[in-house]
Amino acid sequence: DETMSTVPNSYQEDTSQCLPLHCLGGAKGVNQKTKPSDEVDDILVQGMNRLTFDELQKEQDDLHGVADDAAERAPRMNRLLGCLDDHLKDMKAGTAYESAERINKDYVSERDFRMRFLRANRYDPQASADQMIRFFDTKLNLFGKDKLVKDICLSDLDED
């Protein structure tokens, strides 16, 4: 069975109920035998080793929230950033985001800063706006108004 070729032989006894590896994880009809973590790690390593350099680089970029700069300069990104702005305008009244915007509009409006939120939310402007509002509320609560529009450094952290 081609779908089972990456599963160790000890887990292929009942292939009638097994699905490809990417389907495992609670689906009905899946062979629910638990694999030792080192065998699962071996399967993952084998899969990663089959990727080309470009595929591996893309996976690493996706994992770390880094995207192709050219793709993010496309007109679609400008539309998404515009939608993000619209959502923020509707939501910001009385929030720490609004305070941060009054203190330093350049900080909260910087394209790369906003793109981080879009990437983290799979380019959903509404979810990104929600997260930005929560980010600034949390930042205000943890670090105070004087750090609201500054990047937090290790030296800003204390025992609390």
C-alpha atoms as a PDB file:
ATOM      1  CA  ASP A   1       0.000   0.000   0.000  1.00  0.00           C
ATOM      2  CA  GLU A   2       1.617   3.251  -1.166  1.00  0.00           C
ATOM      3  CA  THR A   3       0.015   5.321   1.612  1.00  0.00           C
ATOM      4  CA  MET A   4       1.619   3.150   4.259  1.00  0.00           C
ATOM      5  CA  SER A   5       5.126   3.091   2.797  1.00  0.00           C
ATOM      6  CA  THR A   6       6.418   5.616   5.335  1.00  0.00           C
ATOM      7  CA  VAL A   7       4.945   3.801   8.337  1.00  0.00           C
ATOM      8  CA  PRO A   8       7.213   1.227  10.050  1.00  0.00           C
ATOM      9  CA  ASN A   9       6.244  -2.394   9.358  1.00  0.00           C
ATOM     10  CA  SER A  10       5.176  -2.940  12.971  1.00  0.00           C
ATOM     11  CA  TYR A  11       2.255  -0.554  12.376  1.00  0.00           C
ATOM     12  CA  GLN A  12       1.013  -2.031   9.109  1.00  0.00           C
ATOM     13  CA  GLU A  13      -0.853  -5.046  10.472  1.00  0.00           C
ATOM     14  CA  ASP A  14      -4.358  -3.739   9.738  1.00  0.00           C
ATOM     15  CA  THR A  15      -4.025  -1.538   6.684  1.00  0.00           C
ATOM     16  CA  SER A  16      -7.759  -1.567   5.987  1.00  0.00           C
ATOM     17  CA  GLN A  17      -8.261   1.050   8.709  1.00  0.00           C
ATOM     18  CA  CYS A  18      -5.143   3.122   8.089  1.00  0.00           C
ATOM     19  CA  LEU A  19      -4.907   6.444   6.297  1.00  0.00           C
ATOM     20  CA  PRO A  20      -1.899   8.368   4.953  1.00  0.00           C
ATOM     21  CA  LEU A  21       0.227   9.966   7.670  1.00  0.00           C
ATOM     22  CA  HIS A  22      -1.123  13.462   7.039  1.00  0.00           C
ATOM     23  CA  CYS A  23      -4.610  12.148   7.878  1.00  0.00           C
ATOM     24  CA  LEU A  24      -3.674  10.617  11.224  1.00  0.00           C
ATOM     25  CA  GLY A  25      -4.749  12.273  14.410  1.00  0.00           C
ATOM     26  CA  GLY A  26      -8.201  11.407  15.643  1.00  0.00           C
ATOM     27  CA  ALA A  27     -10.028  10.733  12.406  1.00  0.00           C
ATOM     28  CA  LYS A  28     -12.584   7.923  12.587  1.00  0.00           C
ATOM     29  CA  GLY A  29     -11.368   4.669  11.133  1.00  0.00           C
ATOM     30  CA  VAL A  30      -7.705   5.491  11.699  1.00  0.00           C
ATOM     31  CA  ASN A  31      -5.489   2.863  13.210  1.00  0.00           C
ATOM     32  CA  GLN A  32      -5.069   4.419  16.663  1.00  0.00           C
ATOM     33  CA  LYS A  33      -1.897   2.568  17.720  1.00  0.00           C
ATOM     34  CA  THR A  34       0.513   4.963  19.375  1.00  0.00           C
ATOM     35  CA  LYS A  35       3.968   5.182  17.850  1.00  0.00           C
ATOM     36  CA  PRO A  36       6.969   5.853  20.072  1.00  0.00           C
ATOM     37  CA  SER A  37       8.088   9.438  19.649  1.00  0.00           C
ATOM     38  CA  ASP A  38      11.474   8.481  18.210  1.00  0.00           C
ATOM     39  CA  GLU A  39       9.776   6.579  15.376  1.00  0.00           C
ATOM     40  CA  VAL A  40       7.535   9.560  14.662  1.00  0.00           C
ATOM     41  CA  ASP A  41      10.613  11.790  14.680  1.00  0.00           C
ATOM     42  CA  ASP A  42      12.290   9.455  12.185  1.00  0.00           C
ATOM     43  CA  ILE A  43       9.274   9.677   9.876  1.00  0.00           C
ATOM     44  CA  LEU A  44       9.301  13.479  10.075  1.00  0.00           C
ATOM     45  CA  VAL A  45      13.051  13.635   9.425  1.00  0.00           C
ATOM     46  CA  GLN A  46      12.670  11.367   6.395  1.00  0.00           C
ATOM     47  CA  GLY A  47       9.946  13.636   5.038  1.00  0.00           C
ATOM     48  CA  MET A  48      11.999  16.781   5.610  1.00  0.00           C
ATOM     49  CA  ASN A  49      15.027  15.166   3.963  1.00  0.00           C
ATOM     50  CA  ARG A  50      12.979  14.643   0.794  1.00  0.00           C
ATOM     51  CA  LEU A  51      12.314  18.362   0.394  1.00  0.00           C
ATOM     52  CA  THR A  52      14.336  20.413  -2.045  1.00  0.00           C
ATOM     53  CA  PHE A  53      16.339  23.322  -0.687  1.00  0.00           C
ATOM     54  CA  ASP A  54      13.694  25.810  -1.865  1.00  0.00           C
ATOM     55  CA  GLU A  55      10.856  23.778  -0.317  1.00  0.00           C
ATOM     56  CA  LEU A  56      12.742  23.518   2.960  1.00  0.00           C
ATOM     57  CA  GLN A  57      13.475  27.249   2.945  1.00  0.00           C
ATOM     58  CA  LYS A  58       9.802  28.032   2.351  1.00  0.00           C
ATOM     59  CA  GLU A  59       8.784  25.772   5.248  1.00  0.00           C
ATOM     60  CA  GLN A  60      11.313  27.503   7.510  1.00  0.00           C
ATOM     61  CA  ASP A  61      10.095  30.931   6.411  1.00  0.00           C
ATOM     62  CA  ASP A  62       6.480  29.955   7.061  1.00  0.00           C
ATOM     63  CA  LEU A  63       7.381  28.558  10.475  1.00  0.00           C
ATOM     64  CA  HIS A  64       9.135  31.772  11.498  1.00  0.00           C
ATOM     65  CA  GLY A  65       6.597  34.178   9.982  1.00  0.00           C
ATOM     66  CA  VAL A  66       8.948  35.410   7.297  1.00  0.00           C
ATOM     67  CA  ALA A  67       7.494  35.818   3.845  1.00  0.00           C
ATOM     68  CA  ASP A  68       8.657  36.534   0.347  1.00  0.00           C
ATOM     69  CA  ASP A  69       9.120  40.301   0.303  1.00  0.00           C
ATOM     70  CA  ALA A  70       8.042  40.599  -3.344  1.00  0.00           C
ATOM     71  CA  ALA A  71       4.769  38.772  -2.668  1.00  0.00           C
ATOM     72  CA  GLU A  72       4.035  41.089   0.239  1.00  0.00           C
ATOM     73  CA  ARG A  73       4.549  44.166  -1.906  1.00  0.00           C
ATOM     74  CA  ALA A  74       1.838  43.034  -4.305  1.00  0.00           C
ATOM     75  CA  PRO A  75      -1.379  45.046  -4.715  1.00  0.00           C
ATOM     76  CA  ARG A  76      -3.259  42.366  -2.764  1.00  0.00           C
ATOM     77  CA  MET A  77      -1.191  43.176   0.341  1.00  0.00           C
ATOM     78  CA  ASN A  78      -1.987  46.858  -0.039  1.00  0.00           C
ATOM     79  CA  ARG A  79      -5.703  45.986  -0.113  1.00  0.00           C
ATOM     80  CA  LEU A  80      -5.321  43.795   2.982  1.00  0.00           C
ATOM     81  CA  LEU A  81      -3.459  46.551   4.821  1.00  0.00           C
ATOM     82  CA  GLY A  82      -6.251  48.957   3.850  1.00  0.00           C
ATOM     83  CA  CYS A  83      -8.833  46.526   5.265  1.00  0.00           C
ATOM     84  CA  LEU A  84      -6.757  46.193   8.426  1.00  0.00           C
ATOM     85  CA  ASP A  85      -6.763  49.997   8.768  1.00  0.00           C
ATOM     86  CA  ASP A  86     -10.543  50.086   8.318  1.00  0.00           C
ATOM     87  CA  HIS A  87     -11.083  47.451  11.017  1.00  0.00           C
ATOM     88  CA  LEU A  88      -8.730  49.269  13.387  1.00  0.00           C
ATOM     89  CA  LYS A  89     -10.585  52.563  12.858  1.00  0.00           C
ATOM     90  CA  ASP A  90     -13.845  50.839  13.793  1.00  0.00           C
ATOM     91  CA  MET A  91     -12.408  49.152  16.883  1.00  0.00           C
ATOM     92  CA  LYS A  92      -9.818  51.485  18.380  1.00  0.00           C
ATOM     93  CA  ALA A  93     -11.987  53.844  20.444  1.00  0.00           C
ATOM     94  CA  GLY A  94     -10.844  53.760  24.057  1.00  0.00           C
ATOM     95  CA  THR A  95      -8.135  51.129  23.548  1.00  0.00           C
ATOM     96  CA  ALA A  96      -4.407  51.126  24.211  1.00  0.00           C
ATOM     97  CA  TYR A  97      -3.978  50.981  20.418  1.00  0.00           C
ATOM     98  CA  GLU A  98      -5.628  54.407  20.178  1.00  0.00           C
ATOM     99  CA  SER A  99      -3.284  55.736  22.874  1.00  0.00           C
ATOM    100  CA  ALA A 100      -0.262  54.299  21.066  1.00  0.00           C
ATOM    101  CA  GLU A 101      -1.422  55.871  17.819  1.00  0.00           C
ATOM    102  CA  ARG A 102      -1.682  59.292  19.511  1.00  0.00           C
ATOM    103  CA  ILE A 103       1.807  58.917  21.019  1.00  0.00           C
ATOM    104  CA  ASN A 104       3.587  57.707  17.866  1.00  0.00           C
ATOM    105  CA  LYS A 105       1.498  57.100  14.749  1.00  0.00           C
ATOM    106  CA  ASP A 106       4.594  56.025  12.791  1.00  0.00           C
ATOM    107  CA  TYR A 107       5.224  53.134  15.218  1.00  0.00           C
ATOM    108  CA  VAL A 108       1.731  51.650  14.931  1.00  0.00           C
ATOM    109  CA  SER A 109       1.415  52.370  11.194  1.00  0.00           C
ATOM    110  CA  GLU A 110       4.755  50.954  10.064  1.00  0.00           C
ATOM    111  CA  ARG A 111       4.142  48.474   7.247  1.00  0.00           C
ATOM    112  CA  ASP A 112       6.441  45.682   8.476  1.00  0.00           C
ATOM    113  CA  PHE A 113       4.924  45.904  11.954  1.00  0.00           C
ATOM    114  CA  ARG A 114       1.407  45.492  10.556  1.00  0.00           C
ATOM    115  CA  MET A 115       2.497  42.743   8.170  1.00  0.00           C
ATOM    116  CA  ARG A 116       3.571  40.653  11.177  1.00  0.00           C
ATOM    117  CA  PHE A 117      -0.011  40.642  12.401  1.00  0.00           C
ATOM    118  CA  LEU A 118      -1.387  39.838   8.953  1.00  0.00           C
ATOM    119  CA  ARG A 119       1.059  36.943   8.533  1.00  0.00           C
ATOM    120  CA  ALA A 120       0.311  35.599  12.003  1.00  0.00           C
ATOM    121  CA  ASN A 121      -3.397  35.582  11.165  1.00  0.00           C
ATOM    122  CA  ARG A 122      -3.055  34.106   7.675  1.00  0.00           C
ATOM    123  CA  TYR A 123      -3.817  37.468   6.056  1.00  0.00           C
ATOM    124  CA  ASP A 124      -7.189  37.892   7.771  1.00  0.00           C
ATOM    125  CA  PRO A 125      -7.538  41.664   8.378  1.00  0.00           C
ATOM    126  CA  GLN A 126     -10.295  41.329  11.016  1.00  0.00           C
ATOM    127  CA  ALA A 127      -8.341  38.782  13.066  1.00  0.00           C
ATOM    128  CA  SER A 128      -5.194  40.892  12.652  1.00  0.00           C
ATOM    129  CA  ALA A 129      -6.973  44.004  13.919  1.00  0.00           C
ATOM    130  CA  ASP A 130      -8.319  42.055  16.911  1.00  0.00           C
ATOM    131  CA  GLN A 131      -4.827  40.811  17.684  1.00  0.00           C
ATOM    132  CA  MET A 132      -3.290  44.292  17.360  1.00  0.00           C
ATOM    133  CA  ILE A 133      -5.852  45.698  19.804  1.00  0.00           C
ATOM    134  CA  ARG A 134      -5.112  42.870  22.288  1.00  0.00           C
ATOM    135  CA  PHE A 135      -1.351  43.303  21.734  1.00  0.00           C
ATOM    136  CA  PHE A 136      -1.389  46.965  22.728  1.00  0.00           C
ATOM    137  CA  ASP A 137      -3.788  46.363  25.649  1.00  0.00           C
ATOM    138  CA  THR A 138      -1.482  43.641  26.979  1.00  0.00           C
ATOM    139  CA  LYS A 139       1.633  45.716  26.370  1.00  0.00           C
ATOM    140  CA  LEU A 140       0.121  48.637  28.265  1.00  0.00           C
ATOM    141  CA  ASN A 141      -0.839  46.390  31.196  1.00  0.00           C
ATOM    142  CA  LEU A 142       2.572  44.726  31.375  1.00  0.00           C
ATOM    143  CA  PHE A 143       4.943  47.606  30.624  1.00  0.00           C
ATOM    144  CA  GLY A 144       3.047  50.843  31.061  1.00  0.00           C
ATOM    145  CA  LYS A 145       2.413  53.798  28.804  1.00  0.00           C
ATOM    146  CA  ASP A 146       6.098  54.787  28.453  1.00  0.00           C
ATOM    147  CA  LYS A 147       6.884  51.476  26.659  1.00  0.00           C
ATOM    148  CA  LEU A 148       3.703  51.341  24.576  1.00  0.00           C
ATOM    149  CA  VAL A 149       5.363  52.552  21.373  1.00  0.00           C
ATOM    150  CA  LYS A 150       8.803  51.081  21.960  1.00  0.00           C
ATOM    151  CA  ASP A 151      10.130  47.624  21.209  1.00  0.00           C
ATOM    152  CA  ILE A 152      10.471  45.616  24.404  1.00  0.00           C
ATOM    153  CA  CYS A 153      14.014  44.543  25.273  1.00  0.00           C
ATOM    154  CA  LEU A 154      15.291  42.003  27.750  1.00  0.00           C
ATOM    155  CA  SER A 155      16.303  44.857  30.041  1.00  0.00           C
ATOM    156  CA  ASP A 156      12.627  45.894  30.233  1.00  0.00           C
ATOM    157  CA  LEU A 157      11.772  42.645  32.006  1.00  0.00           C
ATOM    158  CA  ASP A 158      11.943  42.253  35.760  1.00  0.00           C
ATOM    159  CA  GLU A 159      11.260  39.503  38.292  1.00  0.00           C
ATOM    160  CA  ASP A 160       7.483  40.020  38.029  1.00  0.00           C
END
